[in-house]
Amino acid sequence: MKGIILAGGAGTRLYPLTMVTSKQLLPVYDKPMVFYPLSTLMLAGIKEILLISTPSDIVNFEKLLGDGSQFGVSIAYCVQPSPDGLAQAFLLGRDFIGDDACAMVLGDNIFYGNGFGRALKCAAANAEKNKRATVFGYYVNDPERFGVVSFNEEGHVVSIEEKPRNPKSHYAVTGLYFYPSGVSDRAKGVIPSARGELEITSLNEMYLQDELLDVQLLGRGYAWLDTGTMDSLTDASCFVQMIQNRQGIIISSPEEIAYNNGWISKEELVDAANRYGKSPYGVHLHAVAVGSVKY
C-alpha cells in the first residue's frame, strides 16, 4: 500500500504565519506539523509515501524529511501547481500509486488514541484484501462545517454530504482516507464542484454508490485535531504538551515508530537523537534507544 500526504494550500487562515512558510511546517508544540500525518501513515505500516505541496514549499519539505531513510521509509515529492481539490492528489500521484491501494492523510490533521494503530492496519487490510474504501468518522458539535456521513438503523452508511445545511448526523469525515487499487481512475471521473474543485466527498460517493465504502468511527478516547486556524493550532499544541508532559511519551515521533516497527536499528535511532541535540525530542529518542521509556 502507498501513502500520500497532501500538504498544499496557501494557509490564508493562518496569515501572517504562513506568508513565508507552509502551514504544515509550523510547529505543533515540539515538532513540525507534518510529523503527525507522516506518523499516521507509518502506524498503518506504509513505507512508500508521496508528499504533495506547492512549488514554493516543496523544497523545504525535502530539506526537513529528505528521502525518508532516517525514518525507515521512502518519501517522494510532487508539486501541486494549484489547489484544485483533495481528490486531485490521486491524479497527481497516479504514477506513484500505480496498481496499489493508497491511503491519503491531510497534512494538517492530527490523530491520537489508544488502539489507533490497529484501526489503521484494519483500514489498510480492508483496502488491500477486500477492495473496499474506508473513511474515519468523528463526532462533532458543528457538523455543517464538514463532510458528514449518516447511517441506517443497522449501522450501514447511507449518505455522505459536503458541508450540508441540515446535517443528517453529527459524524464528520476526517482527513484520512484508505482506497483500494484503481482510485486514480475513479478520481479521473470526479466532476468539479460549483467552486471548481475536485471534492473528496464526490470520490467517496462513488464508492458508496457501489457499496464499497466503510466508515470506522473514532469514539471516546480518540482525539482528532484539524490545525487549520489560529485557535485550533494553539489547541493542538496545548493538547500535545499536556499528554506528553503527563505521560512522558512523544506523540507522533516518526523515528520512534520506525524503531518499534523494526525499520531502523538502535544505532540509527541514536544517530537521529544526536541530530536533534539536547532538545526534549532528542533526549526522548535517546531514552527510547536505551530502553528507559516504558508503556
Protein backbone atom coordinates (compact mmCIF):
# COMPACT_ATOMS: atom_id res chain seq x y z
CA MET A 1 0.00 0.00 0.00
CA LYS A 2 1.15 3.51 -0.85
CA GLY A 3 0.53 6.67 1.17
CA ILE A 4 0.03 10.33 0.28
CA ILE A 5 0.43 13.40 2.49
CA LEU A 6 -1.38 16.36 0.97
CA ALA A 7 0.44 19.43 2.27
CA GLY A 8 -0.61 22.10 -0.21
CA GLY A 9 -2.72 25.22 0.04
CA ALA A 10 -1.84 28.78 0.96
CA GLY A 11 -2.93 28.58 4.61
CA THR A 12 -4.55 32.01 4.40
CA ARG A 13 -6.47 31.48 7.64
CA LEU A 14 -3.11 31.48 9.41
CA TYR A 15 -1.72 34.68 7.89
CA PRO A 16 0.75 36.21 8.64
CA LEU A 17 2.31 32.98 9.98
CA THR A 18 2.07 31.24 6.62
CA MET A 19 3.11 34.12 4.37
CA VAL A 20 6.68 32.75 4.20
CA THR A 21 6.25 29.07 5.03
CA SER A 22 3.86 26.17 4.60
CA LYS A 23 1.23 25.63 7.25
CA GLN A 24 2.40 22.03 7.56
CA LEU A 25 5.88 23.20 8.57
CA LEU A 26 4.62 25.25 11.50
CA PRO A 27 5.33 23.84 14.98
CA VAL A 28 2.72 21.87 16.86
CA TYR A 29 4.33 22.07 20.28
CA ASP A 30 7.71 20.33 19.83
CA LYS A 31 7.75 19.16 16.22
CA PRO A 32 6.74 20.27 12.72
CA MET A 33 3.09 19.69 11.87
CA VAL A 34 3.98 17.32 9.02
CA PHE A 35 5.47 14.82 11.51
CA TYR A 36 1.94 14.00 12.66
CA PRO A 37 0.42 12.86 9.33
CA LEU A 38 3.70 11.14 8.47
CA SER A 39 3.42 9.18 11.70
CA THR A 40 -0.18 8.25 10.89
CA LEU A 41 0.85 6.61 7.63
CA MET A 42 3.76 4.86 9.31
CA LEU A 43 1.48 3.48 12.04
CA ALA A 44 -0.60 1.96 9.23
CA GLY A 45 2.51 0.10 8.09
CA ILE A 46 3.01 2.25 4.98
CA LYS A 47 6.62 2.70 3.86
CA GLU A 48 6.23 4.32 0.41
CA ILE A 49 4.99 7.87 0.75
CA LEU A 50 4.38 10.77 -1.63
CA LEU A 51 4.27 14.30 -0.25
CA ILE A 52 2.38 16.81 -2.38
CA SER A 53 2.89 20.52 -1.82
CA THR A 54 3.17 23.89 -3.54
CA PRO A 55 6.01 24.88 -5.89
CA SER A 56 7.43 27.30 -3.29
CA ASP A 57 7.17 24.99 -0.28
CA ILE A 58 8.26 21.61 -1.67
CA VAL A 59 11.98 22.37 -1.25
CA ASN A 60 11.57 22.99 2.49
CA PHE A 61 9.82 19.65 2.97
CA GLU A 62 12.72 17.99 1.15
CA LYS A 63 15.19 19.74 3.49
CA LEU A 64 13.27 18.52 6.55
CA LEU A 65 12.36 14.96 5.53
CA GLY A 66 14.90 14.07 2.85
CA ASP A 67 14.30 10.75 1.17
CA GLY A 68 12.75 9.34 4.34
CA SER A 69 15.53 6.85 5.02
CA GLN A 70 16.11 8.23 8.53
CA PHE A 71 12.53 7.14 9.27
CA GLY A 72 12.90 3.78 7.57
CA VAL A 73 10.58 4.81 4.73
CA SER A 74 10.83 6.16 1.19
CA ILE A 75 9.50 9.68 0.57
CA ALA A 76 8.94 11.09 -2.91
CA TYR A 77 7.72 14.58 -3.74
CA CYS A 78 5.21 16.08 -6.15
CA VAL A 79 4.28 19.68 -6.89
CA GLN A 80 0.64 20.74 -6.86
CA PRO A 81 0.52 23.66 -9.31
CA SER A 82 -2.78 24.93 -7.89
CA PRO A 83 -5.09 23.71 -5.11
CA ASP A 84 -7.91 22.19 -7.15
CA GLY A 85 -9.45 19.91 -4.55
CA LEU A 86 -8.41 16.98 -2.38
CA ALA A 87 -9.25 14.35 -4.99
CA GLN A 88 -6.68 15.97 -7.27
CA ALA A 89 -3.99 14.24 -5.19
CA PHE A 90 -4.84 10.90 -6.80
CA LEU A 91 -4.42 12.37 -10.27
CA LEU A 92 -1.09 13.99 -9.40
CA GLY A 93 0.04 10.78 -7.74
CA ARG A 94 -1.21 8.41 -10.42
CA ASP A 95 2.23 7.12 -11.47
CA PHE A 96 3.35 6.85 -7.84
CA ILE A 97 0.26 4.84 -6.85
CA GLY A 98 0.35 2.52 -9.84
CA ASP A 99 -1.79 -0.55 -9.23
CA ASP A 100 -1.56 -0.39 -5.45
CA ALA A 101 -4.08 0.54 -2.80
CA CYS A 102 -3.48 4.01 -1.39
CA ALA A 103 -4.11 5.97 1.79
CA MET A 104 -4.18 9.75 1.97
CA VAL A 105 -3.91 11.96 5.04
CA LEU A 106 -4.24 15.72 5.09
CA GLY A 107 -1.12 17.49 6.27
CA ASP A 108 -2.91 19.48 8.98
CA ASN A 109 -4.76 16.59 10.63
CA ILE A 110 -3.60 15.12 13.94
CA PHE A 111 -4.94 11.87 15.40
CA TYR A 112 -4.34 10.34 18.80
CA GLY A 113 -5.83 7.46 20.77
CA ASN A 114 -5.23 4.02 22.20
CA GLY A 115 -5.54 1.37 19.51
CA PHE A 116 -5.30 3.83 16.64
CA GLY A 117 -2.54 1.80 15.00
CA ARG A 118 -4.78 -1.28 14.95
CA ALA A 119 -7.59 0.74 13.38
CA LEU A 120 -5.23 1.97 10.68
CA LYS A 121 -3.98 -1.51 9.89
CA CYS A 122 -7.57 -2.76 9.62
CA ALA A 123 -8.37 0.01 7.13
CA ALA A 124 -5.26 -0.84 5.13
CA ALA A 125 -6.18 -4.53 5.03
CA ASN A 126 -9.75 -3.63 4.04
CA ALA A 127 -8.41 -1.74 1.03
CA GLU A 128 -5.81 -4.31 0.00
CA LYS A 129 -7.64 -7.57 0.63
CA ASN A 130 -11.33 -6.66 0.48
CA LYS A 131 -11.02 -3.94 -2.19
CA ARG A 132 -13.09 -1.55 -0.07
CA ALA A 133 -12.60 2.09 0.87
CA THR A 134 -12.53 3.27 4.49
CA VAL A 135 -13.02 6.75 5.91
CA PHE A 136 -12.97 7.70 9.57
CA GLY A 137 -15.90 9.37 11.32
CA TYR A 138 -15.65 11.62 14.38
CA TYR A 139 -18.49 13.12 16.43
CA VAL A 140 -18.58 16.94 16.27
CA ASN A 141 -20.94 19.61 17.57
CA ASP A 142 -20.86 21.62 14.33
CA PRO A 143 -21.24 19.06 11.52
CA GLU A 144 -22.31 21.68 8.98
CA ARG A 145 -18.62 22.67 8.70
CA PHE A 146 -17.54 19.23 7.48
CA GLY A 147 -18.25 16.37 5.17
CA VAL A 148 -20.92 14.43 7.08
CA VAL A 149 -21.72 10.73 6.99
CA SER A 150 -25.02 9.22 8.14
CA PHE A 151 -26.12 5.66 8.90
CA ASN A 152 -29.25 3.50 8.90
CA GLU A 153 -30.53 1.53 11.88
CA GLU A 154 -28.19 -1.35 11.06
CA GLY A 155 -25.19 0.98 11.16
CA HIS A 156 -24.56 0.93 7.42
CA VAL A 157 -23.54 4.10 5.60
CA VAL A 158 -26.43 5.64 3.65
CA SER A 159 -25.17 9.12 2.76
CA ILE A 160 -22.14 11.36 2.70
CA GLU A 161 -22.55 15.10 2.14
CA GLU A 162 -20.18 18.05 1.97
CA LYS A 163 -20.98 20.84 4.44
CA PRO A 164 -24.77 20.22 4.48
CA ARG A 165 -27.11 22.95 5.70
CA ASN A 166 -29.15 20.34 7.54
CA PRO A 167 -26.76 17.60 8.62
CA LYS A 168 -28.23 14.11 8.95
CA SER A 169 -25.78 13.20 11.70
CA HIS A 170 -23.02 14.65 13.88
CA TYR A 171 -20.30 12.45 12.38
CA ALA A 172 -17.72 14.37 10.37
CA VAL A 173 -15.42 12.65 7.91
CA THR A 174 -11.84 13.25 8.99
CA GLY A 175 -8.92 13.98 6.69
CA LEU A 176 -7.82 10.35 6.47
CA TYR A 177 -8.85 8.03 3.63
CA PHE A 178 -7.99 4.48 2.53
CA TYR A 179 -8.80 3.34 -1.01
CA PRO A 180 -8.31 0.10 -2.95
CA SER A 181 -6.39 -0.09 -6.22
CA GLY A 182 -7.91 1.93 -9.03
CA VAL A 183 -8.52 5.10 -7.02
CA SER A 184 -6.80 7.28 -9.64
CA ASP A 185 -9.19 6.02 -12.31
CA ARG A 186 -12.15 6.89 -10.11
CA ALA A 187 -10.70 10.30 -9.29
CA LYS A 188 -10.45 10.99 -13.02
CA GLY A 189 -14.23 10.75 -13.16
CA VAL A 190 -14.85 13.34 -10.43
CA ILE A 191 -16.66 16.38 -11.83
CA PRO A 192 -15.53 19.75 -10.44
CA SER A 193 -17.91 21.21 -7.88
CA ALA A 194 -19.54 24.63 -8.04
CA ARG A 195 -16.40 26.10 -6.51
CA GLY A 196 -14.30 24.45 -9.20
CA GLU A 197 -12.68 21.79 -7.04
CA LEU A 198 -12.39 18.02 -7.26
CA GLU A 199 -14.11 17.22 -3.99
CA ILE A 200 -13.06 14.21 -1.93
CA THR A 201 -16.72 13.81 -0.96
CA SER A 202 -17.59 13.17 -4.62
CA LEU A 203 -14.95 10.44 -4.74
CA ASN A 204 -16.31 8.88 -1.56
CA GLU A 205 -19.82 8.98 -3.00
CA MET A 206 -18.63 6.84 -5.91
CA TYR A 207 -17.55 4.12 -3.51
CA LEU A 208 -20.77 4.49 -1.53
CA GLN A 209 -22.91 4.09 -4.66
CA ASP A 210 -21.04 0.89 -5.47
CA GLU A 211 -21.48 -0.29 -1.85
CA LEU A 212 -17.73 -0.24 -1.34
CA LEU A 213 -17.45 2.39 1.40
CA ASP A 214 -16.92 1.63 5.08
CA VAL A 215 -16.79 4.13 7.93
CA GLN A 216 -14.71 3.48 11.02
CA LEU A 217 -15.87 5.63 13.91
CA LEU A 218 -13.35 7.16 16.28
CA GLY A 219 -15.22 7.17 19.56
CA ARG A 220 -14.40 8.21 23.10
CA GLY A 221 -10.72 8.14 23.89
CA TYR A 222 -9.70 9.43 20.47
CA ALA A 223 -8.67 12.94 19.54
CA TRP A 224 -8.92 14.40 16.05
CA LEU A 225 -7.41 17.85 15.64
CA ASP A 226 -7.57 19.98 12.49
CA THR A 227 -4.89 22.64 12.81
CA GLY A 228 -6.09 24.98 10.07
CA THR A 229 -6.96 28.01 12.25
CA MET A 230 -5.12 30.03 14.87
CA ASP A 231 -7.24 28.66 17.70
CA SER A 232 -7.08 25.04 16.53
CA LEU A 233 -3.31 25.30 16.04
CA THR A 234 -2.92 26.56 19.59
CA ASP A 235 -5.32 23.94 20.94
CA ALA A 236 -3.35 21.18 19.22
CA SER A 237 -0.08 22.39 20.71
CA CYS A 238 -1.62 22.54 24.18
CA PHE A 239 -3.07 19.05 23.78
CA VAL A 240 0.26 17.56 22.70
CA GLN A 241 2.07 19.39 25.51
CA MET A 242 -0.36 18.10 28.14
CA ILE A 243 -0.27 14.45 27.02
CA GLN A 244 3.49 14.33 26.58
CA ASN A 245 4.32 16.03 29.86
CA ARG A 246 1.86 13.99 31.91
CA GLN A 247 2.63 10.61 30.38
CA GLY A 248 6.29 11.00 29.47
CA ILE A 249 5.69 9.96 25.87
CA ILE A 250 6.09 11.65 22.50
CA ILE A 251 3.07 11.85 20.20
CA SER A 252 3.88 11.18 16.54
CA SER A 253 7.62 10.56 16.54
CA PRO A 254 8.49 9.04 13.13
CA GLU A 255 11.88 7.79 14.36
CA GLU A 256 10.35 6.04 17.35
CA ILE A 257 7.66 4.43 15.20
CA ALA A 258 10.30 3.28 12.73
CA TYR A 259 12.37 1.76 15.54
CA ASN A 260 9.38 -0.03 17.06
CA ASN A 261 8.43 -1.35 13.60
CA GLY A 262 11.96 -2.68 13.06
CA TRP A 263 12.54 -0.31 10.14
CA ILE A 264 15.64 1.32 11.67
CA SER A 265 18.26 -0.05 14.04
CA LYS A 266 19.15 1.16 17.53
CA GLU A 267 22.28 2.77 16.08
CA GLU A 268 20.18 4.67 13.54
CA LEU A 269 17.83 5.79 16.31
CA VAL A 270 20.77 7.08 18.33
CA ASP A 271 22.07 8.91 15.26
CA ALA A 272 18.65 10.54 14.89
CA ALA A 273 18.66 11.54 18.55
CA ASN A 274 22.10 13.09 18.16
CA ARG A 275 20.90 15.17 15.21
CA TYR A 276 18.31 16.79 17.47
CA GLY A 277 20.94 17.60 20.11
CA LYS A 278 19.80 18.38 23.65
CA SER A 279 16.24 19.23 22.66
CA PRO A 280 13.50 17.36 24.57
CA TYR A 281 12.73 15.46 21.37
CA GLY A 282 16.33 14.29 21.04
CA VAL A 283 16.51 13.39 24.74
CA HIS A 284 13.37 11.27 24.36
CA LEU A 285 14.80 9.36 21.40
CA HIS A 286 17.91 8.60 23.44
CA ALA A 287 15.67 7.26 26.21
CA VAL A 288 13.84 5.04 23.74
CA ALA A 289 17.16 3.71 22.43
CA VAL A 290 18.38 2.70 25.90
CA GLY A 291 15.01 1.22 26.82
CA SER A 292 14.12 3.60 29.63
CA VAL A 293 10.76 4.57 28.10
CA LYS A 294 8.04 2.22 29.34
CA TYR A 295 4.49 1.81 28.05
